[in-house]
Amino acid sequence: MTAYALPLRLYQPRRFDYGSGSAAQVGDWARAQGFTHILVLTQKVMLPLLDRLALPGQITVFDGVAPEPDTINLDLALTAAQAAQPDLVIGFGGGSVMDVAKLVTVLRGHQTLPQIIGPNKVTHRQNALALVPTTAGTGSEAGIRALVTDAATLNKMAVETPHMIADMVALDPDLTLTVPPAVTAATGIDAMAHCVEAFTNRRAHPLIDNYARIGFNLVARYLPRAVADGADAEARAALLLAAYYGGICLGPVNTAAGHALAYPLGTRLKLPHGLANAVIFPHVLAFNQSVAGEKTAEIAHALGLQGDLLQAASQWCADLGVEMRLSKLGAKDSDLQAWAQEAHAIRRLMDNNPRDMTLAEVEQIYRAAF
């Protein structure tokens, strides 16, 4: 079977609005659909921008979504949903906010979180779902997965179901103009990592490769501009689109070792997801070079990398202001072995990697990043 004949199933949001001011389309759409009870899940920092959605009807706001939400935080959001009884849930924020919004829509019925962990275990959802990203990173608005941390074990748990695809998505670059440079850099590298890991994946598909190419080329061209000038409207718009393309890549292909190694840095070290991926990205890119040479060369060309790939990719990230040393981000040498064991056990991602990675090699990458 040729690559072009490989089976593929792709889900995308039912409505997609893009461009400056498009956040207001959420309110227009909600009004036209007749929604009267709306729950907005967000964070306190986003409250000043909430009126951009121009929402109708009775609005309840839960602004307590944590940056790396765990099951306790999810329960608080579910309690708010139980009280509000919404016919529309809106995730207004970054990837954590959107993931919680997705999970709330499918956990208001008869199923519990343990019953739906994994792929295709959700039977239905209770309400409509709209997603409005305010950072250009996770691409969660495009996909059918949501992640939450188990508060007891600190392991990331993934739910995958087409029931979590959004009814409406609005990509409004105006909402991202005030994102700080450090967050812009880390989330942008996360978006690129989604594209790169799908592009070099064992499950790579020609159709998804095209989305991935567009995505990492947009990040390569526009992320340095957005970091240098947050008011660069063209760069902000381009990065939102890149993140969306990365989200499309996640659905049928998903990420690989890079994200597996990043997860313990988020749950154990409490690094923001984008920063964790940024620190790991150059190491896994270089590790996979020997088995994905042609595609890696294409990525390196897009980023303008020359010479030693690990050094050049690390410098590209550092030039954006990202601290690339785990030792400077709070990690201890004694942490690394346990993190390596945890990352190596995330087989749903590690098995996608184009090159097999032993436990010793995972620890070696952590030590190189230390």
Protein backbone atom coordinates (compact mmCIF):
# COMPACT_ATOMS: atom_id res chain seq x y z
CA MET A 1 0.00 0.00 0.00
CA THR A 2 1.41 3.38 -0.97
CA ALA A 3 1.53 6.24 1.54
CA TYR A 4 -1.23 8.07 -0.33
CA ALA A 5 -3.55 5.08 0.06
CA LEU A 6 -3.10 4.80 3.83
CA PRO A 7 -6.42 5.08 5.71
CA LEU A 8 -7.01 8.37 7.48
CA ARG A 9 -9.88 9.83 9.48
CA LEU A 10 -9.90 13.58 10.09
CA TYR A 11 -12.26 15.60 12.28
CA GLN A 12 -12.48 19.38 12.14
CA PRO A 13 -14.70 21.98 13.87
CA ARG A 14 -18.13 22.44 12.35
CA ARG A 15 -17.67 26.20 11.98
CA PHE A 16 -14.42 28.13 11.74
CA ASP A 17 -14.06 31.92 11.93
CA TYR A 18 -10.64 33.50 11.46
CA GLY A 19 -9.25 37.00 11.47
CA SER A 20 -9.18 40.27 13.37
CA GLY A 21 -12.37 40.77 15.38
CA SER A 22 -13.67 37.27 14.74
CA ALA A 23 -14.24 36.69 18.47
CA ALA A 24 -17.50 38.63 18.13
CA GLN A 25 -18.74 35.96 15.74
CA VAL A 26 -19.11 33.65 18.73
CA GLY A 27 -21.86 35.87 20.10
CA ASP A 28 -23.56 36.17 16.72
CA TRP A 29 -23.48 32.41 16.28
CA ALA A 30 -24.73 31.74 19.82
CA ARG A 31 -27.61 34.17 19.28
CA ALA A 32 -28.56 32.57 15.96
CA GLN A 33 -28.48 29.12 17.54
CA GLY A 34 -30.79 30.25 20.32
CA PHE A 35 -28.46 29.51 23.24
CA THR A 36 -29.71 31.13 26.44
CA HIS A 37 -27.45 29.72 29.18
CA ILE A 38 -23.75 30.06 28.47
CA LEU A 39 -20.84 28.91 30.64
CA VAL A 40 -17.45 30.47 29.89
CA LEU A 41 -14.40 28.64 31.21
CA THR A 42 -11.34 30.86 31.40
CA GLN A 43 -8.65 32.35 33.65
CA LYS A 44 -8.72 35.64 35.55
CA VAL A 45 -6.18 37.25 33.26
CA MET A 46 -8.60 36.89 30.35
CA LEU A 47 -11.61 38.57 32.01
CA PRO A 48 -10.88 42.05 30.54
CA LEU A 49 -11.21 40.55 27.04
CA LEU A 50 -14.41 38.63 27.67
CA ASP A 51 -16.65 41.31 26.18
CA ARG A 52 -14.98 40.69 22.79
CA LEU A 53 -17.20 37.61 22.49
CA ALA A 54 -20.38 39.74 22.51
CA LEU A 55 -22.34 36.95 24.18
CA PRO A 56 -26.13 36.92 24.55
CA GLY A 57 -28.33 35.43 27.26
CA GLN A 58 -27.46 34.36 30.79
CA ILE A 59 -23.70 34.09 31.18
CA THR A 60 -21.83 32.25 33.93
CA VAL A 61 -18.05 32.62 34.14
CA PHE A 62 -15.70 30.16 35.81
CA ASP A 63 -12.28 31.84 35.83
CA GLY A 64 -10.46 29.27 37.94
CA VAL A 65 -8.94 26.98 35.29
CA ALA A 66 -5.37 26.21 36.33
CA PRO A 67 -2.42 26.49 33.90
CA GLU A 68 -1.81 22.71 34.11
CA PRO A 69 -5.26 21.49 35.23
CA ASP A 70 -5.59 18.40 37.37
CA THR A 71 -8.59 16.31 38.31
CA ILE A 72 -9.35 18.51 41.33
CA ASN A 73 -9.46 21.58 39.11
CA LEU A 74 -11.64 19.73 36.60
CA ASP A 75 -14.08 18.85 39.38
CA LEU A 76 -14.39 22.55 40.26
CA ALA A 77 -15.25 23.35 36.64
CA LEU A 78 -17.80 20.53 36.59
CA THR A 79 -19.39 21.91 39.76
CA ALA A 80 -19.74 25.28 38.04
CA ALA A 81 -21.32 23.58 35.03
CA GLN A 82 -23.74 21.69 37.23
CA ALA A 83 -24.90 24.96 38.77
CA ALA A 84 -25.14 26.83 35.47
CA GLN A 85 -26.82 24.07 33.41
CA PRO A 86 -25.51 25.60 30.16
CA ASP A 87 -26.63 24.80 26.66
CA LEU A 88 -23.30 26.20 25.41
CA VAL A 89 -19.84 25.86 26.98
CA ILE A 90 -17.08 28.18 25.77
CA GLY A 91 -13.37 27.59 26.35
CA PHE A 92 -11.76 31.05 26.27
CA GLY A 93 -8.02 30.80 26.83
CA GLY A 94 -5.02 28.61 26.14
CA GLY A 95 -4.80 24.86 25.74
CA SER A 96 -5.51 24.08 29.39
CA VAL A 97 -8.73 26.09 29.33
CA MET A 98 -9.90 24.52 26.07
CA ASP A 99 -9.11 21.00 27.27
CA VAL A 100 -11.14 21.54 30.44
CA ALA A 101 -14.03 22.92 28.36
CA LYS A 102 -13.96 19.80 26.19
CA LEU A 103 -13.98 17.51 29.20
CA VAL A 104 -16.80 19.40 30.89
CA THR A 105 -19.02 18.91 27.84
CA VAL A 106 -18.68 15.12 27.98
CA LEU A 107 -18.67 14.67 31.76
CA ARG A 108 -21.99 16.32 32.55
CA GLY A 109 -23.84 13.13 31.68
CA HIS A 110 -23.66 9.65 33.17
CA GLN A 111 -19.98 8.91 32.53
CA THR A 112 -17.07 9.58 34.87
CA LEU A 113 -13.50 10.50 33.98
CA PRO A 114 -12.02 7.01 34.64
CA GLN A 115 -14.62 5.56 32.26
CA ILE A 116 -13.54 7.74 29.33
CA ILE A 117 -9.74 7.75 29.56
CA GLY A 118 -8.33 6.55 26.25
CA PRO A 119 -9.77 6.58 22.72
CA ASN A 120 -13.45 6.42 21.77
CA LYS A 121 -15.01 5.68 25.17
CA VAL A 122 -17.32 8.71 25.33
CA THR A 123 -20.94 8.00 24.42
CA HIS A 124 -22.40 11.52 24.16
CA ARG A 125 -22.13 15.10 25.30
CA GLN A 126 -24.59 17.43 26.96
CA ASN A 127 -24.16 20.80 25.25
CA ALA A 128 -22.69 22.74 22.37
CA LEU A 129 -19.01 23.68 22.48
CA ALA A 130 -17.18 26.78 21.25
CA LEU A 131 -13.41 27.26 21.57
CA VAL A 132 -11.59 30.59 21.36
CA PRO A 133 -7.80 30.33 21.78
CA THR A 134 -5.98 33.29 23.30
CA THR A 135 -2.48 31.89 22.76
CA ALA A 136 -0.92 30.39 19.63
CA GLY A 137 0.31 27.05 20.90
CA THR A 138 -1.59 23.87 21.62
CA GLY A 139 -4.05 23.89 18.74
CA SER A 140 -6.53 22.22 21.11
CA GLU A 141 -9.34 24.05 19.31
CA ALA A 142 -8.78 21.86 16.24
CA GLY A 143 -8.73 18.44 17.85
CA ILE A 144 -10.57 15.63 19.56
CA ARG A 145 -8.21 15.09 22.51
CA ALA A 146 -8.05 16.62 25.97
CA LEU A 147 -5.45 16.12 28.68
CA VAL A 148 -5.77 16.39 32.45
CA THR A 149 -3.33 15.51 35.23
CA ASP A 150 -4.27 12.88 37.79
CA ALA A 151 -3.97 14.79 41.08
CA ALA A 152 -2.97 11.59 42.92
CA THR A 153 -0.31 10.19 40.58
CA LEU A 154 0.64 13.38 38.64
CA ASN A 155 0.39 11.40 35.40
CA LYS A 156 -1.18 12.97 32.33
CA MET A 157 -4.40 11.29 31.23
CA ALA A 158 -5.75 11.65 27.69
CA VAL A 159 -9.34 11.44 26.49
CA GLU A 160 -9.91 11.09 22.75
CA THR A 161 -13.35 11.27 21.15
CA PRO A 162 -15.08 12.98 18.22
CA HIS A 163 -17.69 14.08 20.78
CA MET A 164 -15.16 16.75 21.82
CA ILE A 165 -14.84 18.38 18.41
CA ALA A 166 -15.93 22.01 18.63
CA ASP A 167 -19.17 23.23 17.09
CA MET A 168 -17.56 26.63 16.58
CA VAL A 169 -14.00 27.96 16.67
CA ALA A 170 -12.92 31.59 16.42
CA LEU A 171 -9.27 32.44 15.81
CA ASP A 172 -8.95 36.16 16.59
CA PRO A 173 -5.33 37.39 16.56
CA ASP A 174 -6.39 40.55 18.39
CA LEU A 175 -6.78 38.44 21.54
CA THR A 176 -3.10 37.47 21.41
CA LEU A 177 -1.56 40.93 20.99
CA THR A 178 -0.80 41.29 24.71
CA VAL A 179 0.69 37.83 25.25
CA PRO A 180 4.16 38.39 26.81
CA PRO A 181 7.27 37.57 24.74
CA ALA A 182 8.28 34.59 26.90
CA VAL A 183 4.84 32.99 26.58
CA THR A 184 4.72 33.82 22.87
CA ALA A 185 8.06 32.05 22.33
CA ALA A 186 7.23 28.93 24.35
CA THR A 187 3.75 28.44 22.92
CA GLY A 188 5.02 29.06 19.40
CA ILE A 189 7.68 26.37 19.78
CA ASP A 190 4.97 24.05 21.14
CA ALA A 191 2.94 24.65 17.97
CA MET A 192 6.01 23.88 15.89
CA ALA A 193 6.71 20.73 17.90
CA HIS A 194 3.21 19.46 17.12
CA CYS A 195 3.88 19.88 13.42
CA VAL A 196 7.41 18.48 13.54
CA GLU A 197 6.52 15.44 15.64
CA ALA A 198 3.60 14.59 13.36
CA PHE A 199 5.76 15.18 10.26
CA THR A 200 8.49 12.76 11.39
CA ASN A 201 6.05 10.31 13.04
CA ARG A 202 5.83 6.59 12.32
CA ARG A 203 2.15 7.24 11.57
CA ALA A 204 2.89 10.18 9.26
CA HIS A 205 0.48 10.63 6.36
CA PRO A 206 0.93 12.73 3.18
CA LEU A 207 -2.23 14.73 3.85
CA ILE A 208 -1.12 15.60 7.40
CA ASP A 209 2.44 16.25 6.17
CA ASN A 210 1.07 19.15 4.16
CA TYR A 211 -0.56 20.74 7.21
CA ALA A 212 2.64 20.15 9.19
CA ARG A 213 4.80 21.82 6.53
CA ILE A 214 2.62 24.90 6.49
CA GLY A 215 2.65 25.00 10.28
CA PHE A 216 6.38 24.78 10.94
CA ASN A 217 7.17 27.15 8.10
CA LEU A 218 4.77 29.74 9.55
CA VAL A 219 6.38 29.41 12.98
CA ALA A 220 9.86 29.67 11.50
CA ARG A 221 8.98 32.86 9.68
CA TYR A 222 6.71 34.63 12.14
CA LEU A 223 7.60 33.56 15.69
CA PRO A 224 10.78 35.69 15.88
CA ARG A 225 8.74 38.66 14.66
CA ALA A 226 5.98 38.18 17.25
CA VAL A 227 8.52 37.81 20.06
CA ALA A 228 10.32 40.98 18.96
CA ASP A 229 7.10 42.97 18.51
CA GLY A 230 3.95 41.69 20.20
CA ALA A 231 1.85 44.21 18.28
CA ASP A 232 2.86 42.71 14.92
CA ALA A 233 -0.67 41.83 13.78
CA GLU A 234 0.44 39.81 10.75
CA ALA A 235 2.79 37.67 12.84
CA ARG A 236 0.12 37.08 15.49
CA ALA A 237 -2.41 36.01 12.86
CA ALA A 238 0.08 33.68 11.19
CA LEU A 239 0.99 32.00 14.48
CA LEU A 240 -2.65 31.36 15.37
CA LEU A 241 -3.02 29.62 12.04
CA ALA A 242 0.18 27.63 12.63
CA ALA A 243 -1.14 26.45 15.99
CA TYR A 244 -4.40 25.41 14.35
CA TYR A 245 -2.53 23.39 11.72
CA GLY A 246 -0.57 21.75 14.52
CA GLY A 247 -3.85 20.85 16.18
CA ILE A 248 -5.06 19.20 12.99
CA CYS A 249 -1.85 17.15 12.94
CA LEU A 250 -2.53 15.86 16.44
CA GLY A 251 -5.84 14.22 15.55
CA PRO A 252 -4.99 11.36 13.19
CA VAL A 253 -1.20 11.26 13.79
CA ASN A 254 -0.39 12.76 17.23
CA THR A 255 2.96 13.68 18.74
CA ALA A 256 5.83 11.39 19.73
CA ALA A 257 8.82 11.25 22.08
CA GLY A 258 9.17 15.02 22.39
CA HIS A 259 5.85 15.40 24.14
CA ALA A 260 6.37 12.24 26.20
CA LEU A 261 9.57 13.74 27.62
CA ALA A 262 7.90 17.12 28.15
CA TYR A 263 5.02 15.78 30.26
CA PRO A 264 6.98 15.07 33.48
CA LEU A 265 8.46 18.58 33.23
CA GLY A 266 4.93 19.95 33.39
CA THR A 267 3.48 17.68 36.06
CA ARG A 268 6.58 17.30 38.27
CA LEU A 269 8.59 20.47 37.68
CA LYS A 270 5.45 22.58 37.04
CA LEU A 271 6.82 24.10 33.84
CA PRO A 272 4.20 25.55 31.47
CA HIS A 273 3.48 23.05 28.70
CA GLY A 274 4.96 25.24 25.96
CA LEU A 275 8.20 25.82 27.86
CA ALA A 276 8.58 22.11 28.63
CA ASN A 277 8.27 21.30 24.94
CA ALA A 278 10.65 24.07 23.95
CA VAL A 279 13.39 22.70 26.21
CA ILE A 280 13.04 19.18 24.81
CA PHE A 281 12.36 20.01 21.14
CA PRO A 282 15.98 20.37 19.86
CA HIS A 283 17.12 17.17 21.57
CA VAL A 284 14.45 14.92 20.06
CA LEU A 285 14.77 16.61 16.66
CA ALA A 286 18.48 15.75 16.65
CA PHE A 287 17.90 12.25 18.07
CA ASN A 288 15.56 11.39 15.19
CA GLN A 289 17.80 12.82 12.47
CA SER A 290 19.48 9.50 11.69
CA VAL A 291 16.18 7.81 10.71
CA ALA A 292 14.23 10.81 9.41
CA GLY A 293 17.01 12.56 7.54
CA GLU A 294 15.08 14.00 4.61
CA LYS A 295 12.25 15.42 6.68
CA THR A 296 14.64 16.68 9.37
CA ALA A 297 16.62 18.49 6.69
CA GLU A 298 13.41 20.15 5.51
CA ILE A 299 12.68 21.34 9.06
CA ALA A 300 16.24 22.59 9.52
CA HIS A 301 16.05 24.50 6.24
CA ALA A 302 12.80 26.18 7.29
CA LEU A 303 14.40 27.30 10.55
CA GLY A 304 17.64 28.35 8.89
CA LEU A 305 19.69 25.89 10.96
CA GLN A 306 23.25 25.13 9.91
CA GLY A 307 26.00 22.96 11.36
CA ASP A 308 25.38 20.72 14.37
CA LEU A 309 21.60 20.28 14.52
CA LEU A 310 21.23 20.04 18.31
CA GLN A 311 23.37 23.10 18.92
CA ALA A 312 21.71 25.12 16.14
CA ALA A 313 18.14 24.23 17.17
CA SER A 314 18.90 24.97 20.82
CA GLN A 315 20.35 28.33 19.86
CA TRP A 316 17.29 29.13 17.72
CA CYS A 317 15.08 28.62 20.77
CA ALA A 318 17.46 30.48 23.10
CA ASP A 319 17.52 33.45 20.72
CA LEU A 320 13.78 33.75 21.33
CA GLY A 321 14.51 34.19 25.03
CA VAL A 322 13.75 30.62 26.13
CA GLU A 323 15.82 29.26 29.03
CA MET A 324 16.97 25.92 27.66
CA ARG A 325 18.71 24.49 30.75
CA LEU A 326 16.64 22.41 33.12
CA SER A 327 19.08 23.21 35.91
CA LYS A 328 18.08 26.86 35.61
CA LEU A 329 14.37 25.97 35.63
CA GLY A 330 14.38 24.24 39.01
CA ALA A 331 15.29 20.67 38.08
CA LYS A 332 17.66 18.63 40.22
CA ASP A 333 20.03 15.95 38.99
CA SER A 334 18.32 13.48 41.31
CA ASP A 335 15.00 14.04 39.47
CA LEU A 336 16.13 12.90 36.06
CA GLN A 337 16.10 9.13 36.42
CA ALA A 338 12.51 9.04 37.71
CA TRP A 339 11.36 11.42 34.99
CA ALA A 340 13.01 9.22 32.38
CA GLN A 341 11.15 6.16 33.66
CA GLU A 342 7.86 8.05 33.58
CA ALA A 343 8.39 9.47 30.08
CA HIS A 344 9.57 6.14 28.66
CA ALA A 345 6.36 4.50 29.93
CA ILE A 346 4.10 6.85 27.92
CA ARG A 347 3.86 4.32 25.10
CA ARG A 348 0.93 6.01 23.31
CA LEU A 349 3.48 8.67 22.31
CA MET A 350 6.84 6.92 22.50
CA ASP A 351 5.68 4.22 20.09
CA ASN A 352 5.01 6.92 17.48
CA ASN A 353 8.63 8.07 17.48
CA PRO A 354 10.46 7.27 14.22
CA ARG A 355 13.47 5.98 16.17
CA ASP A 356 13.16 3.66 19.14
CA MET A 357 14.31 5.37 22.33
CA THR A 358 15.60 3.28 25.23
CA LEU A 359 15.16 4.24 28.86
CA ALA A 360 18.87 5.09 29.02
CA GLU A 361 18.54 7.35 25.98
CA VAL A 362 15.59 9.18 27.54
CA GLU A 363 17.66 9.85 30.64
CA GLN A 364 20.58 10.90 28.45
CA ILE A 365 18.40 13.53 26.77
CA TYR A 366 17.28 14.88 30.13
CA ARG A 367 20.92 15.08 31.25
CA ALA A 368 21.89 16.86 28.02
CA ALA A 369 19.09 19.36 28.65
CA PHE A 370 20.08 19.73 32.29
